[in-house]
């Protein structure tokens, strides 16, 4: 019989450490880990506007004055990223393309408001790694028919989704914002 090969323990632990590291890198890549952003484009904004309004009318802008900015800050809990917000209108329908941060990334969402009520909500681009379930029609339909009541609150609450709490809050805030913007346009 041959002599057994003696491997110094420092080499074994270094090899085990490298294998563990490799395993975690592979697991992170396969799980879509939060270190990587994955934009999910569900619909282009122009297609949303055309589909919702039947055409793409000329856009108009709401330029928020100081009082309106204060109201927007109360709705969102912070300033909106711009003081000029575009919208598109045909008849009594108005479409807004709005963005809000879920946990760390913007969620681009289209809202159509008609007669002071939300008629359509569609997540257009979802950039977060978790919480994409808010883009499902079963979730977004909860906003249909919602309107603003006292304190700029929605007349109906959206049900939370486990693991998507921040995304749910973002879409709820944007729904309130769309209704407020429609009231001042």
C-alpha atoms as a PDB file:
ATOM      1  CA  UNK A   1       0.000   0.000   0.000  1.00  0.00           C
ATOM      2  CA  UNK A   2       1.098   3.486  -0.769  1.00  0.00           C
ATOM      3  CA  UNK A   3       1.726   6.161   1.738  1.00  0.00           C
ATOM      4  CA  UNK A   4      -1.241   8.404   2.531  1.00  0.00           C
ATOM      5  CA  UNK A   5      -0.971  11.950   1.245  1.00  0.00           C
ATOM      6  CA  UNK A   6      -0.825  14.449   4.020  1.00  0.00           C
ATOM      7  CA  UNK A   7      -2.394  17.811   3.128  1.00  0.00           C
ATOM      8  CA  UNK A   8      -1.694  20.694   5.442  1.00  0.00           C
ATOM      9  CA  UNK A   9      -4.904  21.843   7.137  1.00  0.00           C
ATOM     10  CA  UNK A  10      -4.365  25.443   6.010  1.00  0.00           C
ATOM     11  CA  UNK A  11      -4.767  24.327   2.369  1.00  0.00           C
ATOM     12  CA  UNK A  12      -7.943  22.385   3.156  1.00  0.00           C
ATOM     13  CA  UNK A  13      -9.538  25.354   4.910  1.00  0.00           C
ATOM     14  CA  UNK A  14      -8.530  27.725   2.100  1.00  0.00           C
ATOM     15  CA  UNK A  15     -10.100  25.394  -0.444  1.00  0.00           C
ATOM     16  CA  UNK A  16     -13.271  25.007   1.654  1.00  0.00           C
ATOM     17  CA  UNK A  17     -13.483  28.790   2.015  1.00  0.00           C
ATOM     18  CA  UNK A  18     -13.188  29.256  -1.760  1.00  0.00           C
ATOM     19  CA  UNK A  19     -15.857  26.625  -2.355  1.00  0.00           C
ATOM     20  CA  UNK A  20     -18.204  28.347   0.116  1.00  0.00           C
ATOM     21  CA  UNK A  21     -17.616  31.697  -1.590  1.00  0.00           C
ATOM     22  CA  UNK A  22     -18.242  30.183  -5.004  1.00  0.00           C
ATOM     23  CA  UNK A  23     -21.430  28.533  -3.736  1.00  0.00           C
ATOM     24  CA  UNK A  24     -22.781  31.845  -2.369  1.00  0.00           C
ATOM     25  CA  UNK A  25     -21.957  33.729  -5.579  1.00  0.00           C
ATOM     26  CA  UNK A  26     -23.757  31.088  -7.655  1.00  0.00           C
ATOM     27  CA  UNK A  27     -26.724  31.093  -5.247  1.00  0.00           C
ATOM     28  CA  UNK A  28     -26.915  34.902  -5.414  1.00  0.00           C
ATOM     29  CA  UNK A  29     -26.877  34.861  -9.217  1.00  0.00           C
ATOM     30  CA  UNK A  30     -29.543  32.169  -9.440  1.00  0.00           C
ATOM     31  CA  UNK A  31     -31.833  33.826  -6.899  1.00  0.00           C
ATOM     32  CA  UNK A  32     -31.746  37.245  -8.561  1.00  0.00           C
ATOM     33  CA  UNK A  33     -30.151  38.686  -5.447  1.00  0.00           C
ATOM     34  CA  UNK A  34     -30.643  42.285  -4.431  1.00  0.00           C
ATOM     35  CA  UNK A  35     -27.153  43.214  -5.565  1.00  0.00           C
ATOM     36  CA  UNK A  36     -28.454  43.287  -9.120  1.00  0.00           C
ATOM     37  CA  UNK A  37     -31.207  45.500 -10.482  1.00  0.00           C
ATOM     38  CA  UNK A  38     -33.577  43.970 -12.988  1.00  0.00           C
ATOM     39  CA  UNK A  39     -35.824  46.416 -14.847  1.00  0.00           C
ATOM     40  CA  UNK A  40     -39.093  44.751 -15.740  1.00  0.00           C
ATOM     41  CA  UNK A  41     -40.759  46.719 -18.495  1.00  0.00           C
ATOM     42  CA  UNK A  42     -44.412  45.761 -18.593  1.00  0.00           C
ATOM     43  CA  UNK A  43     -45.512  48.470 -21.016  1.00  0.00           C
ATOM     44  CA  UNK A  44     -43.988  51.528 -22.627  1.00  0.00           C
ATOM     45  CA  UNK A  45     -45.498  54.789 -21.344  1.00  0.00           C
ATOM     46  CA  UNK A  46     -46.543  55.800 -24.867  1.00  0.00           C
ATOM     47  CA  UNK A  47     -48.400  52.490 -25.306  1.00  0.00           C
ATOM     48  CA  UNK A  48     -50.128  53.013 -21.959  1.00  0.00           C
ATOM     49  CA  UNK A  49     -51.327  56.475 -22.971  1.00  0.00           C
ATOM     50  CA  UNK A  50     -52.507  55.299 -26.393  1.00  0.00           C
ATOM     51  CA  UNK A  51     -54.245  52.242 -24.923  1.00  0.00           C
ATOM     52  CA  UNK A  52     -55.925  54.221 -22.162  1.00  0.00           C
ATOM     53  CA  UNK A  53     -56.970  57.314 -24.105  1.00  0.00           C
ATOM     54  CA  UNK A  54     -57.278  55.897 -27.634  1.00  0.00           C
ATOM     55  CA  UNK A  55     -54.611  58.284 -28.908  1.00  0.00           C
ATOM     56  CA  UNK A  56     -51.585  60.201 -27.711  1.00  0.00           C
ATOM     57  CA  UNK A  57     -52.755  63.796 -27.303  1.00  0.00           C
ATOM     58  CA  UNK A  58     -50.370  66.697 -26.783  1.00  0.00           C
ATOM     59  CA  UNK A  59     -49.080  66.662 -23.243  1.00  0.00           C
ATOM     60  CA  UNK A  60     -49.732  69.445 -20.808  1.00  0.00           C
ATOM     61  CA  UNK A  61     -47.886  70.251 -17.619  1.00  0.00           C
ATOM     62  CA  UNK A  62     -48.989  71.140 -14.149  1.00  0.00           C
ATOM     63  CA  UNK A  63     -46.428  73.500 -12.640  1.00  0.00           C
ATOM     64  CA  UNK A  64     -46.785  73.210  -8.908  1.00  0.00           C
ATOM     65  CA  UNK A  65     -46.853  76.454  -6.936  1.00  0.00           C
ATOM     66  CA  UNK A  66     -45.660  76.585  -3.305  1.00  0.00           C
ATOM     67  CA  UNK A  67     -49.068  75.647  -1.863  1.00  0.00           C
ATOM     68  CA  UNK A  68     -49.446  72.702  -4.260  1.00  0.00           C
ATOM     69  CA  UNK A  69     -45.890  71.542  -3.532  1.00  0.00           C
ATOM     70  CA  UNK A  70     -46.779  71.516   0.164  1.00  0.00           C
ATOM     71  CA  UNK A  71     -49.856  69.378  -0.568  1.00  0.00           C
ATOM     72  CA  UNK A  72     -47.776  66.979  -2.694  1.00  0.00           C
ATOM     73  CA  UNK A  73     -45.201  66.750   0.108  1.00  0.00           C
ATOM     74  CA  UNK A  74     -48.016  65.860   2.536  1.00  0.00           C
ATOM     75  CA  UNK A  75     -49.228  63.095   0.196  1.00  0.00           C
ATOM     76  CA  UNK A  76     -45.804  61.581  -0.505  1.00  0.00           C
ATOM     77  CA  UNK A  77     -44.066  62.361   2.748  1.00  0.00           C
ATOM     78  CA  UNK A  78     -41.365  64.150   0.734  1.00  0.00           C
ATOM     79  CA  UNK A  79     -40.943  66.419  -2.268  1.00  0.00           C
ATOM     80  CA  UNK A  80     -41.806  64.999  -5.687  1.00  0.00           C
ATOM     81  CA  UNK A  81     -38.804  64.744  -7.974  1.00  0.00           C
ATOM     82  CA  UNK A  82     -39.975  67.637 -10.165  1.00  0.00           C
ATOM     83  CA  UNK A  83     -42.319  70.615  -9.828  1.00  0.00           C
ATOM     84  CA  UNK A  84     -43.616  70.254 -13.390  1.00  0.00           C
ATOM     85  CA  UNK A  85     -45.753  67.153 -13.922  1.00  0.00           C
ATOM     86  CA  UNK A  86     -46.943  66.139 -17.382  1.00  0.00           C
ATOM     87  CA  UNK A  87     -50.357  64.727 -18.150  1.00  0.00           C
ATOM     88  CA  UNK A  88     -52.430  63.806 -21.205  1.00  0.00           C
ATOM     89  CA  UNK A  89     -56.177  64.363 -21.520  1.00  0.00           C
ATOM     90  CA  UNK A  90     -58.934  63.253 -23.887  1.00  0.00           C
ATOM     91  CA  UNK A  91     -62.460  64.230 -22.886  1.00  0.00           C
ATOM     92  CA  UNK A  92     -62.852  63.633 -19.167  1.00  0.00           C
ATOM     93  CA  UNK A  93     -59.984  61.110 -18.975  1.00  0.00           C
ATOM     94  CA  UNK A  94     -56.522  62.215 -17.843  1.00  0.00           C
ATOM     95  CA  UNK A  95     -53.426  60.004 -17.857  1.00  0.00           C
ATOM     96  CA  UNK A  96     -50.442  60.533 -15.576  1.00  0.00           C
ATOM     97  CA  UNK A  97     -47.087  58.741 -15.691  1.00  0.00           C
ATOM     98  CA  UNK A  98     -45.694  58.999 -12.169  1.00  0.00           C
ATOM     99  CA  UNK A  99     -42.675  57.587 -10.367  1.00  0.00           C
ATOM    100  CA  UNK A 100     -41.980  56.789  -6.744  1.00  0.00           C
ATOM    101  CA  UNK A 101     -39.241  54.852  -5.017  1.00  0.00           C
ATOM    102  CA  UNK A 102     -40.291  51.498  -3.585  1.00  0.00           C
ATOM    103  CA  UNK A 103     -37.344  50.466  -1.433  1.00  0.00           C
ATOM    104  CA  UNK A 104     -34.392  51.769  -3.440  1.00  0.00           C
ATOM    105  CA  UNK A 105     -35.514  52.092  -7.067  1.00  0.00           C
ATOM    106  CA  UNK A 106     -38.189  54.007  -8.964  1.00  0.00           C
ATOM    107  CA  UNK A 107     -41.447  52.309  -9.917  1.00  0.00           C
ATOM    108  CA  UNK A 108     -42.946  53.931 -13.032  1.00  0.00           C
ATOM    109  CA  UNK A 109     -46.725  53.701 -12.960  1.00  0.00           C
ATOM    110  CA  UNK A 110     -49.507  54.921 -15.241  1.00  0.00           C
ATOM    111  CA  UNK A 111     -52.769  56.220 -13.771  1.00  0.00           C
ATOM    112  CA  UNK A 112     -55.930  57.257 -15.581  1.00  0.00           C
ATOM    113  CA  UNK A 113     -58.366  59.468 -13.685  1.00  0.00           C
ATOM    114  CA  UNK A 114     -61.884  60.213 -14.892  1.00  0.00           C
ATOM    115  CA  UNK A 115     -64.556  62.101 -12.999  1.00  0.00           C
ATOM    116  CA  UNK A 116     -62.404  62.302  -9.868  1.00  0.00           C
ATOM    117  CA  UNK A 117     -61.986  58.509  -9.716  1.00  0.00           C
ATOM    118  CA  UNK A 118     -59.150  56.235 -10.758  1.00  0.00           C
ATOM    119  CA  UNK A 119     -60.174  54.155 -13.742  1.00  0.00           C
ATOM    120  CA  UNK A 120     -56.851  52.477 -14.588  1.00  0.00           C
ATOM    121  CA  UNK A 121     -53.565  51.701 -12.831  1.00  0.00           C
ATOM    122  CA  UNK A 122     -50.697  49.959 -14.589  1.00  0.00           C
ATOM    123  CA  UNK A 123     -47.132  49.393 -13.433  1.00  0.00           C
ATOM    124  CA  UNK A 124     -45.089  50.265 -16.498  1.00  0.00           C
ATOM    125  CA  UNK A 125     -41.513  49.718 -15.309  1.00  0.00           C
ATOM    126  CA  UNK A 126     -40.570  47.892 -12.114  1.00  0.00           C
ATOM    127  CA  UNK A 127     -36.928  48.249 -11.098  1.00  0.00           C
ATOM    128  CA  UNK A 128     -36.866  46.674  -7.636  1.00  0.00           C
ATOM    129  CA  UNK A 129     -35.674  43.102  -7.131  1.00  0.00           C
ATOM    130  CA  UNK A 130     -38.577  42.235  -4.805  1.00  0.00           C
ATOM    131  CA  UNK A 131     -42.236  43.146  -4.654  1.00  0.00           C
ATOM    132  CA  UNK A 132     -42.998  42.885  -8.373  1.00  0.00           C
ATOM    133  CA  UNK A 133     -46.367  41.373  -7.461  1.00  0.00           C
ATOM    134  CA  UNK A 134     -47.760  44.933  -7.354  1.00  0.00           C
ATOM    135  CA  UNK A 135     -47.718  44.829 -11.161  1.00  0.00           C
ATOM    136  CA  UNK A 136     -50.317  42.062 -11.263  1.00  0.00           C
ATOM    137  CA  UNK A 137     -53.786  43.152 -12.411  1.00  0.00           C
ATOM    138  CA  UNK A 138     -55.282  41.480  -9.328  1.00  0.00           C
ATOM    139  CA  UNK A 139     -53.453  44.061  -7.216  1.00  0.00           C
ATOM    140  CA  UNK A 140     -53.824  47.158  -9.402  1.00  0.00           C
ATOM    141  CA  UNK A 141     -57.595  46.618  -9.848  1.00  0.00           C
ATOM    142  CA  UNK A 142     -58.010  47.482  -6.155  1.00  0.00           C
ATOM    143  CA  UNK A 143     -57.454  51.140  -7.035  1.00  0.00           C
ATOM    144  CA  UNK A 144     -60.210  51.311  -9.656  1.00  0.00           C
ATOM    145  CA  UNK A 145     -63.009  53.576  -8.501  1.00  0.00           C
ATOM    146  CA  UNK A 146     -60.937  55.041  -5.664  1.00  0.00           C
ATOM    147  CA  UNK A 147     -61.254  58.743  -5.032  1.00  0.00           C
ATOM    148  CA  UNK A 148     -59.834  61.233  -2.568  1.00  0.00           C
ATOM    149  CA  UNK A 149     -61.590  61.781   0.707  1.00  0.00           C
ATOM    150  CA  UNK A 150     -60.632  64.055   3.615  1.00  0.00           C
ATOM    151  CA  UNK A 151     -56.934  64.523   4.239  1.00  0.00           C
ATOM    152  CA  UNK A 152     -56.053  63.407   0.702  1.00  0.00           C
ATOM    153  CA  UNK A 153     -56.669  59.770   1.659  1.00  0.00           C
ATOM    154  CA  UNK A 154     -58.041  57.135  -0.699  1.00  0.00           C
ATOM    155  CA  UNK A 155     -61.668  56.113  -0.343  1.00  0.00           C
ATOM    156  CA  UNK A 156     -60.549  52.479  -0.370  1.00  0.00           C
ATOM    157  CA  UNK A 157     -57.392  50.864   0.970  1.00  0.00           C
ATOM    158  CA  UNK A 158     -55.217  48.530  -1.083  1.00  0.00           C
ATOM    159  CA  UNK A 159     -54.452  45.192   0.544  1.00  0.00           C
ATOM    160  CA  UNK A 160     -50.821  44.661   1.413  1.00  0.00           C
ATOM    161  CA  UNK A 161     -48.667  41.981  -0.210  1.00  0.00           C
ATOM    162  CA  UNK A 162     -46.172  40.190   2.038  1.00  0.00           C
ATOM    163  CA  UNK A 163     -42.684  41.084   0.838  1.00  0.00           C
ATOM    164  CA  UNK A 164     -43.934  44.052  -1.177  1.00  0.00           C
ATOM    165  CA  UNK A 165     -44.978  46.465   1.561  1.00  0.00           C
ATOM    166  CA  UNK A 166     -42.846  49.374   0.319  1.00  0.00           C
ATOM    167  CA  UNK A 167     -44.012  48.897  -3.273  1.00  0.00           C
ATOM    168  CA  UNK A 168     -47.646  48.816  -2.126  1.00  0.00           C
ATOM    169  CA  UNK A 169     -47.086  52.063  -0.223  1.00  0.00           C
ATOM    170  CA  UNK A 170     -45.436  53.640  -3.273  1.00  0.00           C
ATOM    171  CA  UNK A 171     -48.371  52.798  -5.580  1.00  0.00           C
ATOM    172  CA  UNK A 172     -50.865  53.979  -2.956  1.00  0.00           C
ATOM    173  CA  UNK A 173     -49.077  57.319  -2.597  1.00  0.00           C
ATOM    174  CA  UNK A 174     -48.982  57.723  -6.377  1.00  0.00           C
ATOM    175  CA  UNK A 175     -52.707  56.951  -6.617  1.00  0.00           C
ATOM    176  CA  UNK A 176     -53.378  59.733  -4.118  1.00  0.00           C
ATOM    177  CA  UNK A 177     -51.043  62.025  -6.064  1.00  0.00           C
ATOM    178  CA  UNK A 178     -52.755  61.286  -9.400  1.00  0.00           C
ATOM    179  CA  UNK A 179     -56.155  62.121  -7.917  1.00  0.00           C
ATOM    180  CA  UNK A 180     -54.819  65.322  -6.352  1.00  0.00           C
ATOM    181  CA  UNK A 181     -53.150  66.380  -9.616  1.00  0.00           C
ATOM    182  CA  UNK A 182     -56.361  65.727 -11.516  1.00  0.00           C
ATOM    183  CA  UNK A 183     -58.215  68.014  -9.120  1.00  0.00           C
ATOM    184  CA  UNK A 184     -55.818  70.947  -9.744  1.00  0.00           C
ATOM    185  CA  UNK A 185     -55.118  70.582 -13.476  1.00  0.00           C
END
